[in-house]
């Protein structure tokens, strides 16, 4: 629609401390979100039973606007497309 602004996106990284794949994902997410002005946060499966049950075998998991976007690795180009 003309004159209507889209709601800003939010990215969430679900992982745990000491996870090298999570460290790699964080680097990509930080870069992409900084470039595009998108807010992001990080949640640990060690602090949330529901996240642990849902994602323990897939971390790191990237959520865009609360929906699963990637797991294990973050594809930078794909993430940029999703946030535009």
PDB file of N, CA and C in Angstrom:
ATOM      1  N   UNK A   1       0.832  -1.177   0.000  1.00  0.00           N
ATOM      2  CA  UNK A   1       0.000   0.000   0.000  1.00  0.00           C
ATOM      3  C   UNK A   1       0.879   1.244   0.000  1.00  0.00           C
ATOM      4  N   UNK A   2       0.419   2.251  -0.643  1.00  0.00           N
ATOM      5  CA  UNK A   2       1.149   3.499  -0.720  1.00  0.00           C
ATOM      6  C   UNK A   2       1.083   4.206   0.632  1.00  0.00           C
ATOM      7  N   UNK A   3       2.231   4.730   1.064  1.00  0.00           N
ATOM      8  CA  UNK A   3       2.285   5.484   2.302  1.00  0.00           C
ATOM      9  C   UNK A   3       2.309   4.646   3.561  1.00  0.00           C
ATOM     10  N   UNK A   4       2.333   3.348   3.432  1.00  0.00           N
ATOM     11  CA  UNK A   4       2.345   2.477   4.595  1.00  0.00           C
ATOM     12  C   UNK A   4       3.741   1.916   4.818  1.00  0.00           C
ATOM     13  N   UNK A   5       4.245   2.029   6.024  1.00  0.00           N
ATOM     14  CA  UNK A   5       5.588   1.558   6.323  1.00  0.00           C
ATOM     15  C   UNK A   5       5.534   0.146   6.901  1.00  0.00           C
ATOM     16  N   UNK A   6       6.461  -0.660   6.464  1.00  0.00           N
ATOM     17  CA  UNK A   6       6.534  -2.031   6.973  1.00  0.00           C
ATOM     18  C   UNK A   6       7.047  -2.011   8.414  1.00  0.00           C
ATOM     19  N   UNK A   7       6.599  -2.958   9.189  1.00  0.00           N
ATOM     20  CA  UNK A   7       7.073  -3.110  10.558  1.00  0.00           C
ATOM     21  C   UNK A   7       8.544  -3.505  10.524  1.00  0.00           C
ATOM     22  N   UNK A   8       9.373  -2.906  11.389  1.00  0.00           N
ATOM     23  CA  UNK A   8      10.789  -3.269  11.398  1.00  0.00           C
ATOM     24  C   UNK A   8      10.982  -4.734  11.799  1.00  0.00           C
ATOM     25  N   UNK A   9      11.974  -5.345  11.217  1.00  0.00           N
ATOM     26  CA  UNK A   9      12.286  -6.745  11.511  1.00  0.00           C
ATOM     27  C   UNK A   9      13.068  -6.867  12.811  1.00  0.00           C
ATOM     28  N   UNK A  10      13.015  -8.058  13.385  1.00  0.00           N
ATOM     29  CA  UNK A  10      13.821  -8.417  14.549  1.00  0.00           C
ATOM     30  C   UNK A  10      14.439  -9.776  14.291  1.00  0.00           C
ATOM     31  N   UNK A  11      15.716  -9.903  14.611  1.00  0.00           N
ATOM     32  CA  UNK A  11      16.427 -11.166  14.449  1.00  0.00           C
ATOM     33  C   UNK A  11      16.790 -11.683  15.841  1.00  0.00           C
ATOM     34  N   UNK A  12      16.614 -12.984  16.042  1.00  0.00           N
ATOM     35  CA  UNK A  12      16.995 -13.629  17.291  1.00  0.00           C
ATOM     36  C   UNK A  12      17.928 -14.787  16.981  1.00  0.00           C
ATOM     37  N   UNK A  13      19.038 -14.836  17.693  1.00  0.00           N
ATOM     38  CA  UNK A  13      19.966 -15.962  17.603  1.00  0.00           C
ATOM     39  C   UNK A  13      19.721 -16.852  18.814  1.00  0.00           C
ATOM     40  N   UNK A  14      19.378 -18.101  18.577  1.00  0.00           N
ATOM     41  CA  UNK A  14      19.180 -19.079  19.645  1.00  0.00           C
ATOM     42  C   UNK A  14      20.405 -19.991  19.648  1.00  0.00           C
ATOM     43  N   UNK A  15      21.086 -20.048  20.776  1.00  0.00           N
ATOM     44  CA  UNK A  15      22.300 -20.863  20.868  1.00  0.00           C
ATOM     45  C   UNK A  15      22.628 -21.161  22.311  1.00  0.00           C
ATOM     46  N   UNK A  16      23.933 -21.310  22.572  1.00  0.00           N
ATOM     47  CA  UNK A  16      24.394 -21.508  23.943  1.00  0.00           C
ATOM     48  C   UNK A  16      25.858 -21.098  24.023  1.00  0.00           C
ATOM     49  N   UNK A  17      26.315 -20.755  25.220  1.00  0.00           N
ATOM     50  CA  UNK A  17      27.709 -20.378  25.401  1.00  0.00           C
ATOM     51  C   UNK A  17      28.644 -21.537  25.037  1.00  0.00           C
ATOM     52  N   UNK A  18      29.791 -21.196  24.453  1.00  0.00           N
ATOM     53  CA  UNK A  18      30.792 -22.199  24.119  1.00  0.00           C
ATOM     54  C   UNK A  18      30.547 -22.929  22.815  1.00  0.00           C
ATOM     55  N   UNK A  19      29.549 -22.530  22.073  1.00  0.00           N
ATOM     56  CA  UNK A  19      29.209 -23.161  20.794  1.00  0.00           C
ATOM     57  C   UNK A  19      29.921 -22.401  19.674  1.00  0.00           C
ATOM     58  N   UNK A  20      30.875 -23.050  18.991  1.00  0.00           N
ATOM     59  CA  UNK A  20      31.640 -22.344  17.949  1.00  0.00           C
ATOM     60  C   UNK A  20      30.773 -21.986  16.749  1.00  0.00           C
ATOM     61  N   UNK A  21      29.780 -22.797  16.424  1.00  0.00           N
ATOM     62  CA  UNK A  21      28.866 -22.436  15.336  1.00  0.00           C
ATOM     63  C   UNK A  21      28.023 -21.220  15.712  1.00  0.00           C
ATOM     64  N   UNK A  22      27.682 -21.106  16.989  1.00  0.00           N
ATOM     65  CA  UNK A  22      26.932 -19.943  17.466  1.00  0.00           C
ATOM     66  C   UNK A  22      27.786 -18.684  17.339  1.00  0.00           C
ATOM     67  N   UNK A  23      29.070 -18.810  17.642  1.00  0.00           N
ATOM     68  CA  UNK A  23      29.988 -17.675  17.491  1.00  0.00           C
ATOM     69  C   UNK A  23      30.043 -17.225  16.033  1.00  0.00           C
ATOM     70  N   UNK A  24      30.122 -18.185  15.124  1.00  0.00           N
ATOM     71  CA  UNK A  24      30.150 -17.857  13.683  1.00  0.00           C
ATOM     72  C   UNK A  24      28.845 -17.180  13.260  1.00  0.00           C
ATOM     73  N   UNK A  25      27.725 -17.710  13.715  1.00  0.00           N
ATOM     74  CA  UNK A  25      26.418 -17.146  13.368  1.00  0.00           C
ATOM     75  C   UNK A  25      26.292 -15.727  13.916  1.00  0.00           C
ATOM     76  N   UNK A  26      26.754 -15.506  15.149  1.00  0.00           N
ATOM     77  CA  UNK A  26      26.685 -14.189  15.767  1.00  0.00           C
ATOM     78  C   UNK A  26      27.437 -13.156  14.931  1.00  0.00           C
ATOM     79  N   UNK A  27      28.593 -13.531  14.412  1.00  0.00           N
ATOM     80  CA  UNK A  27      29.389 -12.616  13.594  1.00  0.00           C
ATOM     81  C   UNK A  27      28.617 -12.171  12.362  1.00  0.00           C
ATOM     82  N   UNK A  28      27.986 -13.115  11.688  1.00  0.00           N
ATOM     83  CA  UNK A  28      27.207 -12.793  10.486  1.00  0.00           C
ATOM     84  C   UNK A  28      26.000 -11.936  10.844  1.00  0.00           C
ATOM     85  N   UNK A  29      25.268 -12.324  11.876  1.00  0.00           N
ATOM     86  CA  UNK A  29      24.073 -11.589  12.281  1.00  0.00           C
ATOM     87  C   UNK A  29      24.426 -10.164  12.695  1.00  0.00           C
ATOM     88  N   UNK A  30      25.492 -10.005  13.479  1.00  0.00           N
ATOM     89  CA  UNK A  30      25.919  -8.659  13.889  1.00  0.00           C
ATOM     90  C   UNK A  30      26.200  -7.781  12.669  1.00  0.00           C
ATOM     91  N   UNK A  31      26.929  -8.329  11.710  1.00  0.00           N
ATOM     92  CA  UNK A  31      27.309  -7.559  10.518  1.00  0.00           C
ATOM     93  C   UNK A  31      26.075  -7.160   9.706  1.00  0.00           C
ATOM     94  N   UNK A  32      25.223  -8.128   9.410  1.00  0.00           N
ATOM     95  CA  UNK A  32      24.041  -7.863   8.586  1.00  0.00           C
ATOM     96  C   UNK A  32      23.101  -6.884   9.286  1.00  0.00           C
ATOM     97  N   UNK A  33      22.842  -7.097  10.549  1.00  0.00           N
ATOM     98  CA  UNK A  33      21.918  -6.224  11.273  1.00  0.00           C
ATOM     99  C   UNK A  33      22.477  -4.809  11.406  1.00  0.00           C
ATOM    100  N   UNK A  34      23.773  -4.680  11.624  1.00  0.00           N
ATOM    101  CA  UNK A  34      24.380  -3.352  11.690  1.00  0.00           C
ATOM    102  C   UNK A  34      24.266  -2.639  10.347  1.00  0.00           C
ATOM    103  N   UNK A  35      24.528  -3.363   9.266  1.00  0.00           N
ATOM    104  CA  UNK A  35      24.442  -2.771   7.924  1.00  0.00           C
ATOM    105  C   UNK A  35      23.032  -2.301   7.593  1.00  0.00           C
ATOM    106  N   UNK A  36      22.020  -3.066   8.038  1.00  0.00           N
ATOM    107  CA  UNK A  36      20.637  -2.778   7.659  1.00  0.00           C
ATOM    108  C   UNK A  36      19.844  -2.034   8.736  1.00  0.00           C
ATOM    109  N   UNK A  37      20.469  -1.782   9.877  1.00  0.00           N
ATOM    110  CA  UNK A  37      19.774  -1.078  10.943  1.00  0.00           C
ATOM    111  C   UNK A  37      18.683  -1.901  11.597  1.00  0.00           C
ATOM    112  N   UNK A  38      18.900  -3.204  11.684  1.00  0.00           N
ATOM    113  CA  UNK A  38      17.911  -4.125  12.257  1.00  0.00           C
ATOM    114  C   UNK A  38      18.346  -4.508  13.667  1.00  0.00           C
ATOM    115  N   UNK A  39      17.393  -4.543  14.588  1.00  0.00           N
ATOM    116  CA  UNK A  39      17.723  -4.957  15.949  1.00  0.00           C
ATOM    117  C   UNK A  39      17.791  -6.475  16.023  1.00  0.00           C
ATOM    118  N   UNK A  40      18.626  -6.954  16.930  1.00  0.00           N
ATOM    119  CA  UNK A  40      18.733  -8.393  17.128  1.00  0.00           C
ATOM    120  C   UNK A  40      19.002  -8.664  18.594  1.00  0.00           C
ATOM    121  N   UNK A  41      18.688  -9.903  19.003  1.00  0.00           N
ATOM    122  CA  UNK A  41      18.987 -10.327  20.361  1.00  0.00           C
ATOM    123  C   UNK A  41      19.433 -11.775  20.335  1.00  0.00           C
ATOM    124  N   UNK A  42      19.860 -12.245  21.481  1.00  0.00           N
ATOM    125  CA  UNK A  42      20.379 -13.609  21.585  1.00  0.00           C
ATOM    126  C   UNK A  42      19.746 -14.285  22.787  1.00  0.00           C
ATOM    127  N   UNK A  43      19.338 -15.535  22.607  1.00  0.00           N
ATOM    128  CA  UNK A  43      18.728 -16.326  23.670  1.00  0.00           C
ATOM    129  C   UNK A  43      19.486 -17.640  23.793  1.00  0.00           C
ATOM    130  N   UNK A  44      19.680 -18.088  25.013  1.00  0.00           N
ATOM    131  CA  UNK A  44      20.385 -19.339  25.267  1.00  0.00           C
ATOM    132  C   UNK A  44      19.408 -20.460  25.578  1.00  0.00           C
ATOM    133  N   UNK A  45      19.654 -21.623  24.990  1.00  0.00           N
ATOM    134  CA  UNK A  45      18.810 -22.783  25.297  1.00  0.00           C
ATOM    135  C   UNK A  45      19.030 -23.254  26.735  1.00  0.00           C
ATOM    136  N   UNK A  46      20.110 -22.802  27.364  1.00  0.00           N
ATOM    137  CA  UNK A  46      20.377 -23.182  28.750  1.00  0.00           C
ATOM    138  C   UNK A  46      19.484 -22.419  29.727  1.00  0.00           C
ATOM    139  N   UNK A  47      18.900 -21.304  29.262  1.00  0.00           N
ATOM    140  CA  UNK A  47      18.063 -20.465  30.114  1.00  0.00           C
ATOM    141  C   UNK A  47      16.570 -20.634  29.860  1.00  0.00           C
ATOM    142  N   UNK A  48      16.201 -21.457  28.892  1.00  0.00           N
ATOM    143  CA  UNK A  48      14.799 -21.541  28.493  1.00  0.00           C
ATOM    144  C   UNK A  48      14.470 -22.982  28.098  1.00  0.00           C
ATOM    145  N   UNK A  49      13.683 -23.651  28.929  1.00  0.00           N
ATOM    146  CA  UNK A  49      13.338 -25.056  28.677  1.00  0.00           C
ATOM    147  C   UNK A  49      12.630 -25.254  27.343  1.00  0.00           C
ATOM    148  N   UNK A  50      11.743 -24.329  26.987  1.00  0.00           N
ATOM    149  CA  UNK A  50      11.007 -24.459  25.732  1.00  0.00           C
ATOM    150  C   UNK A  50      11.965 -24.368  24.539  1.00  0.00           C
ATOM    151  N   UNK A  51      12.878 -23.406  24.568  1.00  0.00           N
ATOM    152  CA  UNK A  51      13.865 -23.291  23.481  1.00  0.00           C
ATOM    153  C   UNK A  51      14.741 -24.538  23.412  1.00  0.00           C
ATOM    154  N   UNK A  52      15.141 -25.057  24.573  1.00  0.00           N
ATOM    155  CA  UNK A  52      15.980 -26.259  24.613  1.00  0.00           C
ATOM    156  C   UNK A  52      15.249 -27.438  23.979  1.00  0.00           C
ATOM    157  N   UNK A  53      13.990 -27.626  24.326  1.00  0.00           N
ATOM    158  CA  UNK A  53      13.219 -28.736  23.761  1.00  0.00           C
ATOM    159  C   UNK A  53      13.022 -28.576  22.256  1.00  0.00           C
ATOM    160  N   UNK A  54      12.823 -27.359  21.825  1.00  0.00           N
ATOM    161  CA  UNK A  54      12.518 -27.109  20.419  1.00  0.00           C
ATOM    162  C   UNK A  54      13.761 -27.111  19.525  1.00  0.00           C
ATOM    163  N   UNK A  55      14.885 -26.579  20.033  1.00  0.00           N
ATOM    164  CA  UNK A  55      16.028 -26.329  19.148  1.00  0.00           C
ATOM    165  C   UNK A  55      17.350 -26.979  19.563  1.00  0.00           C
ATOM    166  N   UNK A  56      17.392 -27.749  20.624  1.00  0.00           N
ATOM    167  CA  UNK A  56      18.665 -28.252  21.155  1.00  0.00           C
ATOM    168  C   UNK A  56      19.535 -28.947  20.117  1.00  0.00           C
ATOM    169  N   UNK A  57      18.934 -29.642  19.180  1.00  0.00           N
ATOM    170  CA  UNK A  57      19.704 -30.388  18.171  1.00  0.00           C
ATOM    171  C   UNK A  57      19.993 -29.577  16.915  1.00  0.00           C
ATOM    172  N   UNK A  58      19.594 -28.306  16.885  1.00  0.00           N
ATOM    173  CA  UNK A  58      19.741 -27.497  15.677  1.00  0.00           C
ATOM    174  C   UNK A  58      20.589 -26.243  15.877  1.00  0.00           C
ATOM    175  N   UNK A  59      21.031 -25.944  17.087  1.00  0.00           N
ATOM    176  CA  UNK A  59      21.694 -24.658  17.312  1.00  0.00           C
ATOM    177  C   UNK A  59      22.979 -24.537  16.499  1.00  0.00           C
ATOM    178  N   UNK A  60      23.267 -23.313  16.117  1.00  0.00           N
ATOM    179  CA  UNK A  60      22.494 -22.109  16.325  1.00  0.00           C
ATOM    180  C   UNK A  60      21.293 -22.036  15.390  1.00  0.00           C
ATOM    181  N   UNK A  61      20.245 -21.419  15.881  1.00  0.00           N
ATOM    182  CA  UNK A  61      19.034 -21.204  15.093  1.00  0.00           C
ATOM    183  C   UNK A  61      18.830 -19.695  14.963  1.00  0.00           C
ATOM    184  N   UNK A  62      18.531 -19.260  13.766  1.00  0.00           N
ATOM    185  CA  UNK A  62      18.240 -17.853  13.517  1.00  0.00           C
ATOM    186  C   UNK A  62      16.740 -17.706  13.294  1.00  0.00           C
ATOM    187  N   UNK A  63      16.134 -16.806  14.065  1.00  0.00           N
ATOM    188  CA  UNK A  63      14.723 -16.489  13.906  1.00  0.00           C
ATOM    189  C   UNK A  63      14.606 -15.088  13.324  1.00  0.00           C
ATOM    190  N   UNK A  64      13.746 -14.921  12.354  1.00  0.00           N
ATOM    191  CA  UNK A  64      13.427 -13.596  11.818  1.00  0.00           C
ATOM    192  C   UNK A  64      11.965 -13.347  12.123  1.00  0.00           C
ATOM    193  N   UNK A  65      11.730 -12.318  12.909  1.00  0.00           N
ATOM    194  CA  UNK A  65      10.371 -11.979  13.335  1.00  0.00           C
ATOM    195  C   UNK A  65       9.679 -13.164  14.009  1.00  0.00           C
ATOM    196  N   UNK A  66      10.458 -13.909  14.798  1.00  0.00           N
ATOM    197  CA  UNK A  66       9.917 -15.017  15.574  1.00  0.00           C
ATOM    198  C   UNK A  66       9.760 -16.324  14.826  1.00  0.00           C
ATOM    199  N   UNK A  67      10.097 -16.346  13.539  1.00  0.00           N
ATOM    200  CA  UNK A  67       9.966 -17.577  12.739  1.00  0.00           C
ATOM    201  C   UNK A  67      11.340 -18.107  12.377  1.00  0.00           C
ATOM    202  N   UNK A  68      11.485 -19.427  12.413  1.00  0.00           N
ATOM    203  CA  UNK A  68      12.780 -20.032  12.108  1.00  0.00           C
ATOM    204  C   UNK A  68      13.196 -19.689  10.679  1.00  0.00           C
ATOM    205  N   UNK A  69      14.428 -19.208  10.560  1.00  0.00           N
ATOM    206  CA  UNK A  69      14.964 -18.802   9.266  1.00  0.00           C
ATOM    207  C   UNK A  69      16.095 -19.735   8.833  1.00  0.00           C
ATOM    208  N   UNK A  70      17.062 -19.967   9.691  1.00  0.00           N
ATOM    209  CA  UNK A  70      18.210 -20.835   9.412  1.00  0.00           C
ATOM    210  C   UNK A  70      18.559 -21.628  10.659  1.00  0.00           C
ATOM    211  N   UNK A  71      19.329 -22.686  10.482  1.00  0.00           N
ATOM    212  CA  UNK A  71      19.935 -23.378  11.614  1.00  0.00           C
ATOM    213  C   UNK A  71      21.281 -23.936  11.178  1.00  0.00           C
ATOM    214  N   UNK A  72      22.136 -24.190  12.151  1.00  0.00           N
ATOM    215  CA  UNK A  72      23.543 -24.603  11.991  1.00  0.00           C
ATOM    216  C   UNK A  72      24.414 -23.497  11.417  1.00  0.00           C
ATOM    217  N   UNK A  73      24.083 -22.966  10.265  1.00  0.00           N
ATOM    218  CA  UNK A  73      24.868 -21.902   9.636  1.00  0.00           C
ATOM    219  C   UNK A  73      23.930 -20.795   9.177  1.00  0.00           C
ATOM    220  N   UNK A  74      24.436 -19.561   9.187  1.00  0.00           N
ATOM    221  CA  UNK A  74      23.650 -18.428   8.701  1.00  0.00           C
ATOM    222  C   UNK A  74      24.162 -18.061   7.316  1.00  0.00           C
ATOM    223  N   UNK A  75      23.288 -18.122   6.343  1.00  0.00           N
ATOM    224  CA  UNK A  75      23.619 -17.713   4.983  1.00  0.00           C
ATOM    225  C   UNK A  75      23.413 -16.194   4.922  1.00  0.00           C
ATOM    226  N   UNK A  76      24.515 -15.461   4.801  1.00  0.00           N
ATOM    227  CA  UNK A  76      24.444 -14.006   4.865  1.00  0.00           C
ATOM    228  C   UNK A  76      23.552 -13.416   3.777  1.00  0.00           C
ATOM    229  N   UNK A  77      23.669 -13.883   2.564  1.00  0.00           N
ATOM    230  CA  UNK A  77      22.846 -13.358   1.474  1.00  0.00           C
ATOM    231  C   UNK A  77      21.370 -13.623   1.723  1.00  0.00           C
ATOM    232  N   UNK A  78      21.059 -14.819   2.177  1.00  0.00           N
ATOM    233  CA  UNK A  78      19.665 -15.181   2.451  1.00  0.00           C
ATOM    234  C   UNK A  78      19.094 -14.326   3.575  1.00  0.00           C
ATOM    235  N   UNK A  79      19.891 -14.075   4.618  1.00  0.00           N
ATOM    236  CA  UNK A  79      19.439 -13.238   5.731  1.00  0.00           C
ATOM    237  C   UNK A  79      19.200 -11.804   5.256  1.00  0.00           C
ATOM    238  N   UNK A  80      20.098 -11.280   4.443  1.00  0.00           N
ATOM    239  CA  UNK A  80      19.915  -9.924   3.917  1.00  0.00           C
ATOM    240  C   UNK A  80      18.620  -9.814   3.099  1.00  0.00           C
ATOM    241  N   UNK A  81      18.352 -10.817   2.280  1.00  0.00           N
ATOM    242  CA  UNK A  81      17.118 -10.816   1.485  1.00  0.00           C
ATOM    243  C   UNK A  81      15.882 -10.816   2.386  1.00  0.00           C
ATOM    244  N   UNK A  82      15.927 -11.612   3.431  1.00  0.00           N
ATOM    245  CA  UNK A  82      14.776 -11.709   4.331  1.00  0.00           C
ATOM    246  C   UNK A  82      14.502 -10.400   5.072  1.00  0.00           C
ATOM    247  N   UNK A  83      15.544  -9.605   5.269  1.00  0.00           N
ATOM    248  CA  UNK A  83      15.399  -8.375   6.048  1.00  0.00           C
ATOM    249  C   UNK A  83      15.132  -7.148   5.194  1.00  0.00           C
ATOM    250  N   UNK A  84      15.112  -7.304   3.898  1.00  0.00           N
ATOM    251  CA  UNK A  84      14.823  -6.161   3.007  1.00  0.00           C
ATOM    252  C   UNK A  84      13.365  -6.075   2.695  1.00  0.00           C
TER     253      UNK A  84
END
